[in-house]
Amino acid sequence: MNLCDRCNYRRAIISGTGGRFVLCLLRQKDKRFLKYARRPTLNCSDFQEEGHEECGDEA
């Protein structure tokens, strides 16, 4: 199971050719995170289950 698929800090991206990617919104404030995480991501220091506390997507 990929943590990114259930994370509050992600945005699903579909390319023009139909490729599917998961954009990590944590990257906007912390360059330690990859813009597009490797899959599968099995652990993440800032993982937050989707549906808990808003991620503050003001950017």
Protein backbone atom coordinates (compact mmCIF):
# COMPACT_ATOMS: atom_id res chain seq x y z
CA MET A 1 0.00 0.00 0.00
CA ASN A 2 1.33 3.43 -0.94
CA LEU A 3 1.02 6.00 1.85
CA CYS A 4 0.76 8.84 -0.66
CA ASP A 5 -2.58 7.51 -1.93
CA ARG A 6 -4.11 8.14 1.52
CA CYS A 7 -2.21 11.29 2.50
CA ASN A 8 -3.82 14.65 3.21
CA TYR A 9 -0.79 16.39 1.64
CA ARG A 10 -1.17 15.07 -1.90
CA ARG A 11 -2.74 16.07 -5.17
CA ALA A 12 -3.43 13.59 -7.95
CA ILE A 13 -2.02 14.68 -11.33
CA ILE A 14 -2.98 13.16 -14.68
CA SER A 15 -0.64 14.03 -17.55
CA GLY A 16 -1.74 14.74 -21.11
CA THR A 17 -0.73 11.20 -22.04
CA GLY A 18 -2.77 9.65 -19.23
CA GLY A 19 0.10 9.03 -16.79
CA ARG A 20 -0.92 9.28 -13.14
CA PHE A 21 1.30 10.95 -10.55
CA VAL A 22 0.97 12.02 -6.92
CA LEU A 23 2.21 15.55 -6.20
CA CYS A 24 3.47 16.02 -2.63
CA LEU A 25 2.19 19.36 -1.29
CA LEU A 26 4.72 19.23 1.57
CA ARG A 27 7.43 20.03 -1.01
CA GLN A 28 6.15 23.63 -1.24
CA LYS A 29 7.43 24.37 2.27
CA ASP A 30 10.06 21.71 2.86
CA LYS A 31 12.57 20.74 0.16
CA ARG A 32 13.35 17.44 1.94
CA PHE A 33 10.27 16.00 0.26
CA LEU A 34 10.29 14.93 -3.37
CA LYS A 35 7.84 16.78 -5.62
CA TYR A 36 6.67 13.42 -6.98
CA ALA A 37 7.35 10.69 -4.42
CA ARG A 38 8.73 7.32 -5.44
CA ARG A 39 6.21 4.51 -5.36
CA PRO A 40 5.53 2.70 -3.23
CA THR A 41 6.13 5.07 -0.32
CA LEU A 42 5.98 2.92 2.78
CA ASN A 43 6.96 5.51 5.39
CA CYS A 44 6.94 9.29 5.59
CA SER A 45 7.81 11.50 8.57
CA ASP A 46 4.91 13.90 7.92
CA PHE A 47 2.24 11.50 6.66
CA GLN A 48 -1.25 12.55 7.68
CA GLU A 49 -4.23 10.33 6.95
CA GLU A 50 -6.62 11.92 4.45
CA GLY A 51 -9.63 13.47 6.16
CA HIS A 52 -7.75 14.60 9.28
CA GLU A 53 -6.98 18.28 9.82
CA GLU A 54 -6.76 20.45 6.72
CA CYS A 55 -3.39 20.55 4.99
CA GLY A 56 -3.43 24.34 4.44
CA ASP A 57 -3.36 24.25 0.64
CA GLU A 58 -3.17 28.02 0.22
CA ALA A 59 -0.39 28.13 -2.34
